[in-house]
Protein backbone atom coordinates (compact mmCIF):
# COMPACT_ATOMS: atom_id res chain seq x y z
CA MET A 1 14.56 11.77 -23.54
CA SER A 2 11.46 11.69 -20.92
CA MET A 3 9.01 8.82 -21.10
CA THR A 4 5.33 9.37 -21.13
CA ALA A 5 3.41 7.78 -18.10
CA GLU A 6 2.14 5.35 -21.03
CA GLU A 7 5.31 4.73 -22.35
CA LEU A 8 6.30 3.73 -18.60
CA ASN A 9 3.29 1.96 -17.93
CA GLU A 10 3.84 -0.39 -20.78
CA LEU A 11 7.69 -0.76 -20.13
CA VAL A 12 6.81 -1.62 -16.66
CA LYS A 13 4.08 -4.20 -17.52
CA ASN A 14 6.07 -5.63 -20.07
CA LYS A 15 8.89 -6.19 -17.82
CA ILE A 16 6.82 -7.61 -14.88
CA PHE A 17 5.10 -9.92 -17.77
CA GLY A 18 8.23 -10.93 -18.88
CA LYS A 19 9.74 -11.93 -15.39
CA PHE A 20 6.61 -13.22 -13.63
CA GLY A 21 3.77 -13.80 -16.15
CA PRO A 22 0.73 -12.25 -16.51
CA GLU A 23 -0.69 -13.56 -13.10
CA ALA A 24 1.70 -10.81 -11.47
CA ILE A 25 -0.59 -8.04 -12.33
CA ILE A 26 -4.34 -8.33 -11.48
CA GLU A 27 -5.12 -4.64 -12.84
CA ASN A 28 -3.55 -1.71 -14.32
CA PHE A 29 -4.43 1.55 -15.10
CA ILE A 30 -3.18 5.48 -15.51
CA PRO A 31 -5.07 7.90 -13.21
CA TYR A 32 -3.64 11.13 -13.52
CA ALA A 33 -0.70 10.09 -15.58
CA PHE A 34 0.28 7.90 -12.51
CA PRO A 35 0.95 4.16 -13.90
CA THR A 36 -0.46 1.75 -11.32
CA PHE A 37 -0.56 -1.65 -10.82
CA GLU A 38 -2.47 -4.11 -8.65
CA VAL A 39 -0.52 -7.08 -7.89
CA PRO A 40 -1.37 -10.24 -6.00
CA VAL A 41 -0.13 -10.43 -2.41
CA SER A 42 1.91 -13.68 -3.42
CA TYR A 43 3.92 -11.63 -5.83
CA ILE A 44 4.15 -8.29 -4.05
CA HIS A 45 7.78 -8.74 -2.64
CA GLN A 46 9.29 -10.51 -5.73
CA VAL A 47 7.55 -7.59 -7.76
CA LEU A 48 8.99 -4.77 -5.43
CA GLU A 49 12.51 -6.11 -5.43
CA PHE A 50 12.66 -6.54 -9.15
CA LEU A 51 11.49 -2.93 -9.77
CA LYS A 52 14.13 -1.89 -7.29
CA THR A 53 16.96 -4.03 -8.70
CA ASP A 54 16.47 -4.04 -12.47
CA PRO A 55 18.83 -1.70 -14.00
CA GLU A 56 16.42 -0.39 -16.47
CA LEU A 57 13.52 0.66 -14.22
CA ASN A 58 15.62 1.22 -11.00
CA PHE A 59 13.17 2.20 -8.77
CA HIS A 60 15.29 2.92 -5.89
CA PHE A 61 13.42 5.00 -3.43
CA LEU A 62 10.35 4.10 -1.77
CA THR A 63 8.40 7.26 -1.58
CA ASP A 64 5.35 6.21 0.50
CA LEU A 65 3.82 2.98 1.74
CA THR A 66 0.27 3.35 3.63
CA GLY A 67 -2.79 1.22 4.06
CA ILE A 68 -6.51 1.39 2.83
CA GLN A 69 -9.58 -0.07 3.14
CA THR A 70 -11.93 -1.14 0.15
CA PRO A 71 -15.58 0.40 0.49
CA ASP A 72 -16.79 -2.80 1.02
CA GLU A 73 -14.87 -3.16 4.28
CA LYS A 74 -13.83 -6.87 3.46
CA LYS A 75 -10.14 -6.17 2.36
CA LEU A 76 -7.44 -4.12 3.42
CA GLY A 77 -4.94 -2.90 1.07
CA VAL A 78 -1.29 -1.57 0.95
CA ILE A 79 -0.17 0.93 -1.48
CA TYR A 80 3.39 1.56 -2.35
CA HIS A 81 4.44 4.57 -4.46
CA LEU A 82 7.99 4.21 -5.96
CA HIS A 83 10.49 6.48 -7.63
CA ASN A 84 13.26 6.35 -10.21
CA MET A 85 15.04 9.65 -9.24
CA ILE A 86 17.60 9.57 -11.87
CA LYS A 87 14.98 9.34 -14.69
CA ASN A 88 12.11 11.10 -12.50
CA TYR A 89 9.80 8.11 -12.91
CA ARG A 90 6.89 7.18 -10.55
CA ILE A 91 4.63 4.39 -10.24
CA ARG A 92 2.07 3.02 -7.61
CA LEU A 93 1.44 -0.65 -6.74
CA LYS A 94 -1.48 -1.70 -4.84
CA THR A 95 -1.93 -5.10 -2.96
CA PHE A 96 -5.14 -6.50 -1.12
CA VAL A 97 -5.63 -8.87 1.53
CA ASP A 98 -8.71 -10.21 3.58
CA ILE A 99 -9.52 -8.41 6.44
CA GLN A 100 -9.77 -11.70 8.43
CA LYS A 101 -6.01 -12.55 7.56
CA PRO A 102 -4.13 -9.13 6.76
CA GLU A 103 -0.72 -10.41 6.34
CA VAL A 104 1.51 -8.73 3.64
CA PRO A 105 5.42 -9.61 3.33
CA THR A 106 7.74 -6.98 4.74
CA ALA A 107 9.65 -4.35 2.45
CA THR A 108 12.08 -3.52 5.27
CA ASP A 109 14.54 -5.86 3.56
CA LEU A 110 14.40 -3.87 0.56
CA TRP A 111 14.15 -0.19 1.88
CA GLU A 112 15.02 0.49 5.50
CA GLY A 113 12.72 3.43 5.11
CA ALA A 114 9.79 1.15 5.25
CA ASN A 115 10.12 0.13 8.95
CA TRP A 116 8.07 3.09 10.26
CA MET A 117 5.89 3.20 7.24
CA GLU A 118 4.78 -0.34 7.72
CA ARG A 119 4.51 0.11 11.45
CA GLU A 120 1.99 3.00 11.22
CA THR A 121 -0.11 0.99 8.55
CA TYR A 122 -0.07 -1.68 11.19
CA ASP A 123 -1.04 0.69 13.77
CA PHE A 124 -3.70 2.12 11.83
CA PHE A 125 -5.17 -0.53 10.00
CA GLY A 126 -3.68 -3.70 11.72
CA VAL A 127 -1.90 -5.09 8.60
CA ILE A 128 0.47 -7.60 9.71
CA PHE A 129 4.12 -7.47 7.97
CA LYS A 130 5.53 -10.60 7.65
CA GLY A 131 9.27 -10.71 8.55
CA HIS A 132 9.19 -7.04 9.91
CA PRO A 133 12.14 -6.65 12.55
CA LYS A 134 9.99 -4.87 15.17
CA LEU A 135 6.17 -4.60 14.38
CA LYS A 136 4.68 -2.56 17.31
CA ARG A 137 2.61 0.54 17.41
CA ILE A 138 4.07 3.73 16.88
CA LEU A 139 1.76 6.49 17.22
CA ASN A 140 -1.29 4.88 19.39
CA VAL A 141 -0.81 3.43 22.87
CA ASP A 142 0.10 -0.42 23.11
CA GLU A 143 -2.72 -1.28 25.31
CA MET A 144 -4.88 -0.05 22.22
CA ASP A 145 -6.81 -3.15 21.01
CA ILE A 146 -8.56 -1.65 18.12
CA PHE A 147 -7.26 -0.09 14.72
CA PRO A 148 -8.94 3.37 14.40
CA LEU A 149 -8.78 3.69 10.63
CA ARG A 150 -10.75 0.50 9.96
CA LYS A 151 -14.17 1.35 8.84
CA GLU A 152 -15.83 -0.93 11.20
CA TYR A 153 -15.45 1.79 14.02
CA PRO A 154 -18.00 4.35 14.58
CA LEU A 155 -16.79 8.00 13.59
CA GLU A 156 -18.34 9.47 16.81
CA ASP A 157 -19.46 8.17 20.28
CA GLN A 158 -22.66 6.85 19.80
CA THR A 159 -23.36 7.29 23.54
CA ARG A 160 -23.39 11.24 23.67
CA ASP A 161 -26.52 12.99 24.50
CA ASP A 162 -25.34 16.60 24.70
CA LYS A 163 -26.14 17.26 21.03
CA ASP A 164 -29.09 17.43 19.01
CA ASP A 165 -28.83 15.53 15.78
CA ARG A 166 -31.28 17.50 14.11
CA MET A 167 -28.72 19.98 13.91
CA PHE A 168 -26.51 17.89 11.79
CA GLY A 169 -28.88 16.97 9.23
CA ARG A 170 -30.08 13.79 10.66
């Protein structure tokens, strides 16, 4: 019998609380029937490993891993999408770090497929995955000294004089 998103959310929450205590979840909500958990960076690797190896939960597939930046621009985040293919359950985990020290433990020891996803997140957001076997740029040139998806960089070249800002509503 299939579980609803609310039932899955309660099961995952209770299992994490039972294993690590309530401090392992900062926030929990269910947007669009997708259980989402915000986990402190100090717990993220342990929680990911538990979700993968627990026989009842069995989130053995890492569907996606990506970075984000909070609107206030002070924090970077990593989002993990996990999937139990046998029961077709999906959950999302988020963890946030200060932009001045963007370090998150690697998940490559849990899922080999995390390798390229972490490299891409490093390449675009500058998140440093501690313990990653070869953390280097994957799409941008090695000489690039910025992380292009951070909000601290302008979206367009401010020195351009070949356009009229009035045409763009400015």
